[in-house]
Amino acid sequence: MDKVENIHTNQTSPASFERNLLSVAKGGGIVYGGKLFLTLSRLVTVILLARLLSAEQYGLYNVALSTASIAIGIAILGLDSALVRYIAIAASRRDEAGVWGTLQVGIGLSVLLSVLTATGLFALAYPIAIQVFDRPELAPLLQLVSLIVPFLVLSDVLAGATRGFKKMHHMVIAQNIAQPVIRLILIIILSFTGMNPAKAILTFGLADGFASIFLLYFLHKQFSLKRQLGVSRGDIRTILGFSLPLWLAQLMVTFRGNVQTILLGSLSTIQNVGIFSVVNQVNVLGQMLHGSITEAARPLIAELHDRGDHEQMGRLYQTTTKWILIVNFPVFLIMVLFPVPILSIFGKSFVYGASALSILAFANLVNIGTGMCAAIIDMTGYSKLKLLNTFIRMICSIGFSFVFISLWGIIGAAVAALCVEIIVNLIILLEIWILFHILPYNKTFIKTLLAGAAAFTAAFTINQILPVQEKLFYTGISLLVMIAVYVSVSLSLGLAPEDRLILSRLQRRFSTFVSRI
């Protein structure tokens, strides 16, 4: 069978809600498994680097990577999201020429821009290091990260292409498994000769280069790249018309995501940058399922909107939001109740960020509590509205961060993040209601809130009796009780039909796996 036939995955008739739900659950499960592995690997990496480097060195390392993230945001031009949307649509229509043209536009433009952006960052390294941060030793690190920018951009664009084909496991293998494993191995090897920020950056770049090679292989396996360049139909104007507003939006998101690092480095101390970076890395645990389900649902949202099936899109919105909240509520409770034991793993100097971790957990709860609302705006073609939302987010983030970091340092950065999430997510909820008359909530959410309240009460009571902040053994007891109460109350309140559908599928697959052993 020819490779191009792999793109013919859609049936001639619209898929049922159950089939789409299983598709999202399967894709989200794959991505979640990959992100869980990635996060745990990164936590091990962060622990190693935090102990091999001083807090100040770790801060310099994170400032350099934050600058690289802004450069990547400039170079990628929103083409990663454009590839997801237009490859998904072209593949569902069995339009091979459209797929090939979209790939040429997305990969070609992004690679060209990444080289130009990297050149600019290399040339401006010393002015940025001296005039913005007053740290001349930062300049060589900025020049080093400029060399890896093209690899990082290529990796993200190729990942967007594979997601457009709904092949979530390709991205998982390359970016979530191969990349962190290779990086961890390189860190261990280089640590024998002494670790420094430059070596840490080098391991990051080399690992991502390998991820790009894996993604290119998987893409070629899915859709043969051995084709004549002219045998394609890529509507550059349409693609750029969609991607440019998203690019500006994503650029502001990237800048917002790194502005706190920059402001902490300029208004506070480089040491606080290192601590806050560790706190952010721990908080990623609460974002994994949200991102996983959203990534799996993006191409499906594009298809449903293309068919005008807003009723099914609304049901999908509600179900996925509930799943995200059910899984993440215990993570939120852990971050709020046990911040000191968690951060003590990285070293005593990082415990200072405990209050910031608890505040960021509330910010994350606000984000997951609104589900994949931002993805719906993206994949339904309202890229200009996404641009407006991101502009609001960026302005709020810069304003709140500048004020609160000046007042409270690392805690102020966390408070600023919480304020931004509340404002922006409420705005997006209102927009989706106006556009599609759908909300992410139904009456089944009450069960999750009741289970969470019961789990919090149980853990809080134990925390008042046992010294969980001082001994990890007591912390483990409190955690086990909290999770047991949460699961038992959730099951006693009953499961919705869509939840039973997914659990029955998991049970069948587990039984099949056991029977083969």
Protein backbone atom coordinates (compact mmCIF):
# COMPACT_ATOMS: atom_id res chain seq x y z
CA MET A 1 0.00 0.00 0.00
CA ASP A 2 1.34 3.44 -0.90
CA LYS A 3 2.33 5.66 2.01
CA VAL A 4 0.01 8.44 0.97
CA GLU A 5 -2.98 6.21 1.68
CA ASN A 6 -2.24 6.64 5.36
CA ILE A 7 -3.89 10.06 5.25
CA HIS A 8 -7.25 8.57 4.25
CA THR A 9 -8.43 7.97 7.78
CA ASN A 10 -11.91 9.57 7.71
CA GLN A 11 -15.11 7.77 6.88
CA THR A 12 -17.44 9.21 4.29
CA SER A 13 -20.11 9.80 6.92
CA PRO A 14 -19.52 12.04 9.95
CA ALA A 15 -18.14 10.19 12.94
CA SER A 16 -20.42 9.63 15.93
CA PHE A 17 -19.87 11.49 19.17
CA GLU A 18 -18.72 8.28 20.85
CA ARG A 19 -16.14 7.64 18.13
CA ASN A 20 -14.84 11.19 18.37
CA LEU A 21 -14.76 10.96 22.16
CA LEU A 22 -12.74 7.75 21.98
CA SER A 23 -10.44 9.37 19.45
CA VAL A 24 -9.78 12.31 21.77
CA ALA A 25 -9.36 9.98 24.76
CA LYS A 26 -6.92 7.79 22.86
CA GLY A 27 -4.93 10.72 21.49
CA GLY A 28 -5.06 12.56 24.79
CA GLY A 29 -3.97 9.42 26.63
CA ILE A 30 -0.99 9.00 24.34
CA VAL A 31 0.01 12.64 24.69
CA TYR A 32 -0.59 12.56 28.45
CA GLY A 33 1.58 9.47 28.84
CA GLY A 34 4.29 11.19 26.85
CA LYS A 35 3.96 14.43 28.81
CA LEU A 36 4.01 12.53 32.09
CA PHE A 37 7.26 10.86 31.05
CA LEU A 38 8.57 14.20 29.78
CA THR A 39 7.68 16.02 32.99
CA LEU A 40 9.16 13.36 35.24
CA SER A 41 12.30 13.32 33.11
CA ARG A 42 12.50 17.10 33.27
CA LEU A 43 12.01 17.03 37.03
CA VAL A 44 14.95 14.64 37.32
CA THR A 45 16.90 16.96 35.01
CA VAL A 46 15.95 20.02 37.06
CA ILE A 47 16.94 18.28 40.30
CA LEU A 48 20.31 17.33 38.80
CA LEU A 49 20.97 20.81 37.41
CA ALA A 50 19.75 22.51 40.61
CA ARG A 51 22.23 20.45 42.61
CA LEU A 52 25.08 20.65 40.07
CA LEU A 53 24.67 24.41 39.57
CA SER A 54 24.23 27.15 42.13
CA ALA A 55 20.89 28.99 42.24
CA GLU A 56 22.57 31.93 40.48
CA GLN A 57 24.06 29.75 37.72
CA TYR A 58 20.69 28.05 37.28
CA GLY A 59 19.16 31.51 36.99
CA LEU A 60 21.60 32.49 34.20
CA TYR A 61 20.78 29.25 32.40
CA ASN A 62 17.04 29.99 32.57
CA VAL A 63 17.44 33.60 31.45
CA ALA A 64 19.31 32.35 28.36
CA LEU A 65 16.62 29.77 27.58
CA SER A 66 13.87 32.35 28.10
CA THR A 67 15.57 34.61 25.57
CA ALA A 68 15.78 31.66 23.16
CA SER A 69 12.04 31.01 23.66
CA ILE A 70 11.25 34.57 22.56
CA ALA A 71 13.47 34.09 19.48
CA ILE A 72 11.63 30.85 18.67
CA GLY A 73 8.30 32.64 19.03
CA ILE A 74 9.45 35.26 16.53
CA ALA A 75 10.70 32.71 14.01
CA ILE A 76 7.89 30.15 14.03
CA LEU A 77 5.33 32.58 12.54
CA GLY A 78 2.37 30.59 13.92
CA LEU A 79 3.01 27.91 11.29
CA ASP A 80 2.94 25.04 13.78
CA SER A 81 -0.74 25.73 14.53
CA ALA A 82 -1.46 26.38 10.84
CA LEU A 83 -0.06 22.95 9.95
CA VAL A 84 -2.34 21.29 12.51
CA ARG A 85 -5.43 22.96 11.07
CA TYR A 86 -4.79 22.78 7.33
CA ILE A 87 -3.23 19.32 7.25
CA ALA A 88 -6.17 17.98 9.28
CA ILE A 89 -8.64 19.54 6.83
CA ALA A 90 -6.72 18.52 3.69
CA ALA A 91 -6.23 14.97 4.96
CA SER A 92 -9.93 14.61 5.80
CA ARG A 93 -10.74 15.73 2.23
CA ARG A 94 -8.11 13.33 0.81
CA ASP A 95 -6.32 16.25 -0.78
CA GLU A 96 -2.73 15.03 -1.19
CA ALA A 97 -1.63 18.09 -3.15
CA GLY A 98 -3.02 20.33 -0.42
CA VAL A 99 -1.15 18.41 2.26
CA TRP A 100 2.12 18.61 0.31
CA GLY A 101 1.73 22.32 -0.34
CA THR A 102 0.91 23.04 3.29
CA LEU A 103 4.01 21.16 4.40
CA GLN A 104 6.21 23.12 1.99
CA VAL A 105 4.89 26.47 3.17
CA GLY A 106 5.03 25.60 6.87
CA ILE A 107 8.45 23.99 7.02
CA GLY A 108 10.17 26.19 4.43
CA LEU A 109 9.16 29.55 5.86
CA SER A 110 9.80 28.57 9.48
CA VAL A 111 13.31 27.25 8.78
CA LEU A 112 14.25 30.40 6.84
CA LEU A 113 12.97 32.72 9.56
CA SER A 114 14.63 30.69 12.31
CA VAL A 115 18.06 31.15 10.71
CA LEU A 116 17.52 34.91 10.36
CA THR A 117 16.28 35.24 13.94
CA ALA A 118 19.17 33.21 15.32
CA THR A 119 21.62 35.45 13.47
CA GLY A 120 20.03 38.54 15.02
CA LEU A 121 20.16 37.07 18.53
CA PHE A 122 23.82 36.15 18.13
CA ALA A 123 24.66 39.72 17.04
CA LEU A 124 22.70 41.34 19.90
CA ALA A 125 23.92 39.01 22.65
CA TYR A 126 26.31 41.47 24.34
CA PRO A 127 23.95 44.50 24.23
CA ILE A 128 21.16 42.39 25.78
CA ALA A 129 23.42 40.93 28.48
CA ILE A 130 24.94 44.27 29.48
CA GLN A 131 22.13 46.79 29.00
CA VAL A 132 19.13 44.68 30.11
CA PHE A 133 20.61 42.42 32.79
CA ASP A 134 23.95 44.09 33.61
CA ARG A 135 25.55 40.63 33.45
CA PRO A 136 28.32 40.43 30.79
CA GLU A 137 28.82 36.72 31.55
CA LEU A 138 25.34 36.12 30.11
CA ALA A 139 26.42 37.13 26.56
CA PRO A 140 28.26 33.89 25.61
CA LEU A 141 25.25 31.91 26.81
CA LEU A 142 22.93 33.95 24.59
CA GLN A 143 25.21 33.34 21.61
CA LEU A 144 25.16 29.64 22.36
CA VAL A 145 21.36 29.42 22.55
CA SER A 146 21.11 31.32 19.25
CA LEU A 147 22.79 28.34 17.56
CA ILE A 148 20.05 25.94 18.70
CA VAL A 149 17.08 28.16 17.78
CA PRO A 150 16.68 26.66 14.23
CA PHE A 151 16.57 23.12 15.66
CA LEU A 152 13.92 24.09 18.22
CA VAL A 153 11.76 25.79 15.57
CA LEU A 154 12.04 22.84 13.18
CA SER A 155 11.09 20.44 15.94
CA ASP A 156 7.92 22.39 16.83
CA VAL A 157 6.83 22.74 13.19
CA LEU A 158 7.34 19.05 12.46
CA ALA A 159 5.40 18.19 15.61
CA GLY A 160 2.53 20.37 14.34
CA ALA A 161 2.55 18.46 11.04
CA THR A 162 2.32 15.06 12.73
CA ARG A 163 -0.52 16.31 14.96
CA GLY A 164 -2.39 17.40 11.84
CA PHE A 165 -2.35 13.75 10.76
CA LYS A 166 -3.70 12.84 14.23
CA LYS A 167 -0.53 10.83 14.88
CA MET A 168 -0.02 11.96 18.45
CA HIS A 169 2.37 9.11 19.25
CA HIS A 170 4.93 10.44 16.75
CA MET A 171 5.27 13.71 18.66
CA VAL A 172 5.27 11.82 21.97
CA ILE A 173 8.12 9.51 20.94
CA ALA A 174 10.29 12.31 19.55
CA GLN A 175 9.67 15.26 21.87
CA ASN A 176 8.40 13.65 25.05
CA ILE A 177 10.53 10.52 25.25
CA ALA A 178 13.63 10.65 23.02
CA GLN A 179 14.47 14.31 23.70
CA PRO A 180 14.45 14.22 27.53
CA VAL A 181 16.17 10.82 27.70
CA ILE A 182 18.99 11.95 25.41
CA ARG A 183 19.31 15.19 27.35
CA LEU A 184 19.45 13.38 30.69
CA ILE A 185 22.14 11.02 29.40
CA LEU A 186 24.20 13.95 28.12
CA ILE A 187 23.90 15.79 31.45
CA ILE A 188 25.10 12.73 33.37
CA ILE A 189 28.05 12.28 30.99
CA LEU A 190 29.09 15.95 31.09
CA SER A 191 28.66 16.18 34.87
CA PHE A 192 31.77 14.04 35.35
CA THR A 193 33.86 16.93 33.98
CA GLY A 194 31.93 19.58 35.93
CA MET A 195 28.61 21.17 34.98
CA ASN A 196 28.12 24.82 34.03
CA PRO A 197 25.32 26.79 32.30
CA ALA A 198 26.94 26.48 28.86
CA LYS A 199 27.10 22.69 29.08
CA ALA A 200 23.48 22.57 30.28
CA ILE A 201 22.39 24.62 27.23
CA LEU A 202 24.44 22.38 24.92
CA THR A 203 22.65 19.26 26.14
CA PHE A 204 19.31 20.97 25.50
CA GLY A 205 20.21 21.82 21.90
CA LEU A 206 21.70 18.44 21.01
CA ALA A 207 18.71 16.57 22.41
CA ASP A 208 16.27 18.71 20.43
CA GLY A 209 18.29 18.16 17.27
CA PHE A 210 17.77 14.42 17.68
CA ALA A 211 14.04 15.02 18.25
CA SER A 212 13.85 16.87 14.91
CA ILE A 213 15.45 13.89 13.15
CA PHE A 214 12.89 11.52 14.71
CA LEU A 215 9.97 13.76 13.70
CA LEU A 216 11.22 14.08 10.14
CA TYR A 217 11.43 10.29 9.89
CA PHE A 218 7.90 9.83 11.25
CA LEU A 219 6.49 12.48 8.93
CA HIS A 220 8.10 10.82 5.92
CA LYS A 221 6.71 7.46 7.06
CA GLN A 222 3.19 8.94 7.30
CA PHE A 223 3.33 11.02 4.12
CA SER A 224 6.18 10.39 1.69
CA LEU A 225 8.34 13.49 1.26
CA LYS A 226 9.98 12.14 -1.91
CA ARG A 227 7.85 14.26 -4.23
CA GLN A 228 8.33 16.97 -6.79
CA LEU A 229 8.05 20.39 -5.20
CA GLY A 230 5.75 21.69 -7.91
CA VAL A 231 3.15 18.92 -7.50
CA SER A 232 1.39 20.72 -4.68
CA ARG A 233 -1.32 23.20 -3.86
CA GLY A 234 -0.34 25.37 -0.95
CA ASP A 235 -2.41 28.52 -0.52
CA ILE A 236 0.24 30.73 1.05
CA ARG A 237 -2.15 33.64 1.42
CA THR A 238 -4.74 31.56 3.28
CA ILE A 239 -2.15 29.88 5.49
CA LEU A 240 -0.45 33.14 6.38
CA GLY A 241 -3.80 34.85 6.85
CA PHE A 242 -4.54 32.25 9.52
CA SER A 243 -1.06 31.94 10.98
CA LEU A 244 -0.02 35.61 11.22
CA PRO A 245 -2.62 36.59 13.84
CA LEU A 246 -1.83 33.36 15.69
CA TRP A 247 1.87 34.19 15.38
CA LEU A 248 1.40 37.59 16.95
CA ALA A 249 -0.77 35.98 19.60
CA GLN A 250 1.71 33.19 20.27
CA LEU A 251 4.58 35.66 20.28
CA MET A 252 2.83 37.60 23.00
CA VAL A 253 2.15 34.35 24.86
CA THR A 254 5.83 33.44 24.61
CA PHE A 255 6.87 36.90 25.70
CA ARG A 256 4.36 36.79 28.54
CA GLY A 257 5.59 33.36 29.58
CA ASN A 258 9.16 34.63 29.78
CA VAL A 259 8.57 38.22 30.84
CA GLN A 260 8.47 37.20 34.49
CA THR A 261 11.89 35.59 34.13
CA ILE A 262 13.20 38.77 32.51
CA LEU A 263 11.59 41.08 35.09
CA LEU A 264 12.75 38.92 37.99
CA GLY A 265 16.27 39.07 36.57
CA SER A 266 16.18 42.85 36.15
CA LEU A 267 13.96 43.95 39.08
CA SER A 268 14.87 41.26 41.59
CA THR A 269 17.82 38.81 41.58
CA ILE A 270 19.16 36.11 39.29
CA GLN A 271 18.85 33.73 42.24
CA ASN A 272 15.08 34.36 42.36
CA VAL A 273 14.97 33.52 38.64
CA GLY A 274 16.41 30.09 39.43
CA ILE A 275 13.96 29.48 42.27
CA PHE A 276 10.94 30.62 40.26
CA SER A 277 11.99 28.44 37.32
CA VAL A 278 11.97 25.39 39.58
CA VAL A 279 8.55 26.39 40.95
CA ASN A 280 7.21 26.73 37.41
CA GLN A 281 8.61 23.34 36.47
CA VAL A 282 6.84 21.69 39.39
CA ASN A 283 3.60 23.46 38.48
CA VAL A 284 3.78 21.89 35.01
CA LEU A 285 2.47 18.67 36.61
CA GLY A 286 -0.92 20.36 36.90
CA GLN A 287 -0.98 21.33 33.22
CA MET A 288 -0.13 18.03 31.54
CA LEU A 289 -3.58 16.51 31.01
CA HIS A 290 -5.00 19.87 29.97
CA GLY A 291 -2.39 20.23 27.26
CA SER A 292 -2.67 16.56 26.25
CA ILE A 293 -6.43 16.53 25.75
CA THR A 294 -6.30 19.90 24.01
CA GLU A 295 -3.63 18.77 21.54
CA ALA A 296 -5.56 15.60 20.73
CA ALA A 297 -8.83 17.53 20.27
CA ARG A 298 -7.49 20.35 18.07
CA PRO A 299 -7.76 18.59 14.67
CA LEU A 300 -11.18 17.21 15.65
CA ILE A 301 -12.42 20.70 16.58
CA ALA A 302 -11.30 21.93 13.16
CA GLU A 303 -13.23 19.11 11.45
CA LEU A 304 -16.41 19.60 13.51
CA HIS A 305 -16.40 23.33 12.84
CA ASP A 306 -15.77 22.70 9.15
CA ARG A 307 -18.92 20.51 9.14
CA GLY A 308 -20.89 23.05 11.21
CA ASP A 309 -21.50 20.48 13.98
CA HIS A 310 -21.47 22.85 16.95
CA GLU A 311 -23.71 20.59 19.04
CA GLN A 312 -21.12 17.81 19.08
CA MET A 313 -18.36 20.36 19.61
CA GLY A 314 -20.17 21.58 22.73
CA ARG A 315 -20.54 18.07 24.14
CA LEU A 316 -16.88 17.43 23.47
CA TYR A 317 -16.01 20.71 25.22
CA GLN A 318 -17.94 19.76 28.36
CA THR A 319 -16.70 16.18 28.56
CA THR A 320 -13.03 16.99 28.09
CA THR A 321 -13.20 19.85 30.60
CA LYS A 322 -14.64 17.48 33.20
CA TRP A 323 -11.91 14.90 32.53
CA ILE A 324 -9.22 17.56 32.87
CA LEU A 325 -10.66 18.80 36.16
CA ILE A 326 -11.13 15.29 37.61
CA VAL A 327 -7.49 14.32 37.04
CA ASN A 328 -5.97 17.68 37.97
CA PHE A 329 -7.89 18.44 41.16
CA PRO A 330 -5.72 16.11 43.30
CA VAL A 331 -2.60 17.66 41.75
CA PHE A 332 -3.91 21.09 42.75
CA LEU A 333 -4.47 19.90 46.32
CA ILE A 334 -0.95 18.47 46.51
CA MET A 335 0.60 21.77 45.38
CA VAL A 336 -1.44 23.76 47.92
CA LEU A 337 -1.02 21.43 50.89
CA PHE A 338 2.57 20.21 50.46
CA PRO A 339 4.68 22.94 48.79
CA VAL A 340 7.59 22.76 51.25
CA PRO A 341 8.19 18.98 51.02
CA ILE A 342 7.96 19.17 47.21
CA LEU A 343 10.52 21.97 46.81
CA SER A 344 12.88 20.55 49.44
CA ILE A 345 13.68 17.80 46.92
CA PHE A 346 15.55 20.38 44.83
CA GLY A 347 17.57 21.73 47.74
CA LYS A 348 17.01 23.92 50.78
CA SER A 349 17.52 27.18 48.86
CA PHE A 350 14.47 26.44 46.69
CA VAL A 351 12.02 26.08 49.61
CA TYR A 352 11.76 29.88 49.56
CA GLY A 353 9.40 29.44 46.59
CA ALA A 354 6.77 27.44 48.55
CA SER A 355 4.21 30.26 48.76
CA ALA A 356 4.67 31.03 45.07
CA LEU A 357 4.01 27.35 44.22
CA SER A 358 0.69 27.39 46.13
CA ILE A 359 -0.41 30.58 44.37
CA LEU A 360 0.53 29.19 40.95
CA ALA A 361 -1.54 26.10 41.74
CA PHE A 362 -4.62 28.33 42.05
CA ALA A 363 -3.72 30.00 38.74
CA ASN A 364 -3.49 26.59 37.11
CA LEU A 365 -6.86 25.56 38.57
CA VAL A 366 -8.48 28.59 36.95
CA ASN A 367 -6.92 27.62 33.61
CA ILE A 368 -7.93 23.95 33.65
CA GLY A 369 -11.36 24.86 35.01
CA THR A 370 -12.22 26.53 31.70
CA GLY A 371 -11.12 23.54 29.61
CA MET A 372 -9.88 23.87 26.04
CA CYS A 373 -11.59 27.22 25.43
CA ALA A 374 -8.48 28.78 23.83
CA ALA A 375 -8.12 25.82 21.45
CA ILE A 376 -11.72 26.28 20.27
CA ILE A 377 -10.98 29.89 19.35
CA ASP A 378 -7.82 28.75 17.52
CA MET A 379 -9.23 25.83 15.54
CA THR A 380 -12.49 27.49 14.49
CA GLY A 381 -10.60 30.13 12.53
CA TYR A 382 -11.02 33.11 14.87
CA SER A 383 -7.32 33.87 14.79
CA LYS A 384 -7.85 37.64 15.06
CA LEU A 385 -9.89 37.11 18.21
CA LYS A 386 -7.07 34.93 19.53
CA LEU A 387 -4.73 37.82 18.79
CA LEU A 388 -6.90 40.21 20.81
CA ASN A 389 -7.08 37.78 23.73
CA THR A 390 -3.34 37.30 23.74
CA PHE A 391 -2.76 41.04 23.58
CA ILE A 392 -4.94 41.46 26.65
CA ARG A 393 -3.06 38.64 28.36
CA MET A 394 0.32 40.16 27.55
CA ILE A 395 -0.61 43.67 28.70
CA CYS A 396 -2.07 42.32 31.94
CA SER A 397 0.95 40.09 32.51
CA ILE A 398 3.48 42.87 31.96
CA GLY A 399 1.52 45.34 34.07
CA PHE A 400 0.79 43.01 36.98
CA SER A 401 4.30 41.49 36.90
CA PHE A 402 6.00 44.89 36.92
CA VAL A 403 3.93 46.09 39.88
CA PHE A 404 3.84 42.91 41.97
CA ILE A 405 7.44 41.78 41.34
CA SER A 406 8.63 45.24 42.40
CA LEU A 407 6.61 44.86 45.62
CA TRP A 408 6.93 41.19 46.54
CA GLY A 409 9.57 39.60 44.30
CA ILE A 410 8.95 35.92 43.55
CA ILE A 411 5.57 35.89 45.33
CA GLY A 412 4.54 38.91 43.28
CA ALA A 413 5.31 36.99 40.07
CA ALA A 414 2.92 34.22 41.19
CA VAL A 415 0.18 36.70 42.17
CA ALA A 416 0.51 38.36 38.76
CA ALA A 417 0.06 34.98 37.03
CA LEU A 418 -3.09 34.29 39.06
CA CYS A 419 -4.64 37.67 38.21
CA VAL A 420 -3.94 37.19 34.51
CA GLU A 421 -5.50 33.71 34.37
CA ILE A 422 -8.69 34.90 36.05
CA ILE A 423 -9.19 37.87 33.74
CA VAL A 424 -8.29 36.22 30.43
CA ASN A 425 -10.13 32.93 30.96
CA LEU A 426 -13.34 34.72 31.90
CA ILE A 427 -13.07 36.76 28.69
CA ILE A 428 -12.59 33.65 26.52
CA LEU A 429 -15.51 31.87 28.21
CA LEU A 430 -17.73 34.82 27.32
CA GLU A 431 -16.49 34.85 23.71
CA ILE A 432 -17.25 31.17 23.17
CA TRP A 433 -20.71 31.62 24.62
CA ILE A 434 -21.39 34.54 22.26
CA LEU A 435 -20.02 32.70 19.21
CA PHE A 436 -21.34 29.17 19.74
CA HIS A 437 -23.66 29.31 22.78
CA ILE A 438 -21.72 26.56 24.55
CA LEU A 439 -20.22 26.38 28.03
CA PRO A 440 -17.75 23.84 29.46
CA TYR A 441 -19.93 22.98 32.47
CA ASN A 442 -22.86 20.73 33.28
CA LYS A 443 -24.32 19.27 36.46
CA THR A 444 -21.79 16.41 36.61
CA PHE A 445 -19.12 18.91 37.69
CA ILE A 446 -20.72 19.10 41.14
CA LYS A 447 -19.53 15.54 41.86
CA THR A 448 -15.91 16.48 41.19
CA LEU A 449 -16.14 19.52 43.44
CA LEU A 450 -17.66 17.47 46.27
CA ALA A 451 -14.94 14.82 45.96
CA GLY A 452 -12.26 17.51 45.96
CA ALA A 453 -13.73 19.19 49.05
CA ALA A 454 -13.81 15.87 50.91
CA ALA A 455 -10.20 15.09 49.95
CA PHE A 456 -9.02 18.56 51.01
CA THR A 457 -10.78 18.26 54.37
CA ALA A 458 -9.19 14.86 55.06
CA ALA A 459 -5.67 15.98 54.12
CA PHE A 460 -5.95 19.30 55.95
CA THR A 461 -7.07 17.50 59.11
CA ILE A 462 -4.07 15.14 58.97
CA ASN A 463 -1.74 18.07 58.34
CA GLN A 464 -2.89 19.65 61.60
CA ILE A 465 -2.12 16.45 63.52
CA LEU A 466 1.09 15.17 61.89
CA PRO A 467 4.27 17.18 61.10
CA VAL A 468 3.99 16.60 57.34
CA GLN A 469 6.17 19.63 56.57
CA GLU A 470 9.07 18.10 58.48
CA LYS A 471 9.07 14.39 57.61
CA LEU A 472 8.38 12.86 54.19
CA PHE A 473 6.90 9.74 55.81
CA TYR A 474 4.00 11.73 57.27
CA THR A 475 3.64 13.59 54.00
CA GLY A 476 3.20 10.24 52.23
CA ILE A 477 0.49 9.17 54.69
CA SER A 478 -1.43 12.40 54.15
CA LEU A 479 -1.13 12.05 50.36
CA LEU A 480 -2.41 8.47 50.38
CA VAL A 481 -5.41 9.40 52.54
CA MET A 482 -6.24 12.38 50.35
CA ILE A 483 -6.14 10.34 47.12
CA ALA A 484 -8.11 7.47 48.67
CA VAL A 485 -10.86 9.83 49.84
CA TYR A 486 -10.98 11.59 46.46
CA VAL A 487 -11.28 8.35 44.46
CA SER A 488 -13.80 6.70 46.82
CA VAL A 489 -16.09 9.75 46.95
CA SER A 490 -15.90 10.17 43.15
CA LEU A 491 -16.89 6.53 42.58
CA SER A 492 -19.64 6.60 45.21
CA LEU A 493 -21.27 9.59 43.51
CA GLY A 494 -21.49 7.64 40.23
CA LEU A 495 -20.02 7.96 36.74
CA ALA A 496 -21.49 9.61 33.66
CA PRO A 497 -22.13 7.48 30.52
CA GLU A 498 -19.14 8.93 28.68
CA ASP A 499 -16.90 8.13 31.66
CA ARG A 500 -18.12 4.53 31.70
CA LEU A 501 -17.48 4.32 27.95
CA ILE A 502 -13.82 5.25 28.38
CA LEU A 503 -13.34 3.07 31.47
CA SER A 504 -14.87 0.05 29.72
CA ARG A 505 -12.52 0.55 26.79
CA LEU A 506 -9.57 0.77 29.17
CA GLN A 507 -10.74 -2.35 30.98
CA ARG A 508 -11.00 -4.31 27.73
CA ARG A 509 -7.54 -3.23 26.65
CA PHE A 510 -6.08 -4.09 30.04
CA SER A 511 -7.73 -7.53 29.95
CA THR A 512 -6.34 -8.12 26.46
CA PHE A 513 -2.88 -7.06 27.62
CA VAL A 514 -3.03 -9.39 30.66
CA SER A 515 -4.22 -12.33 28.56
CA ARG A 516 -1.18 -11.96 26.30
CA ILE A 517 1.30 -12.09 29.17
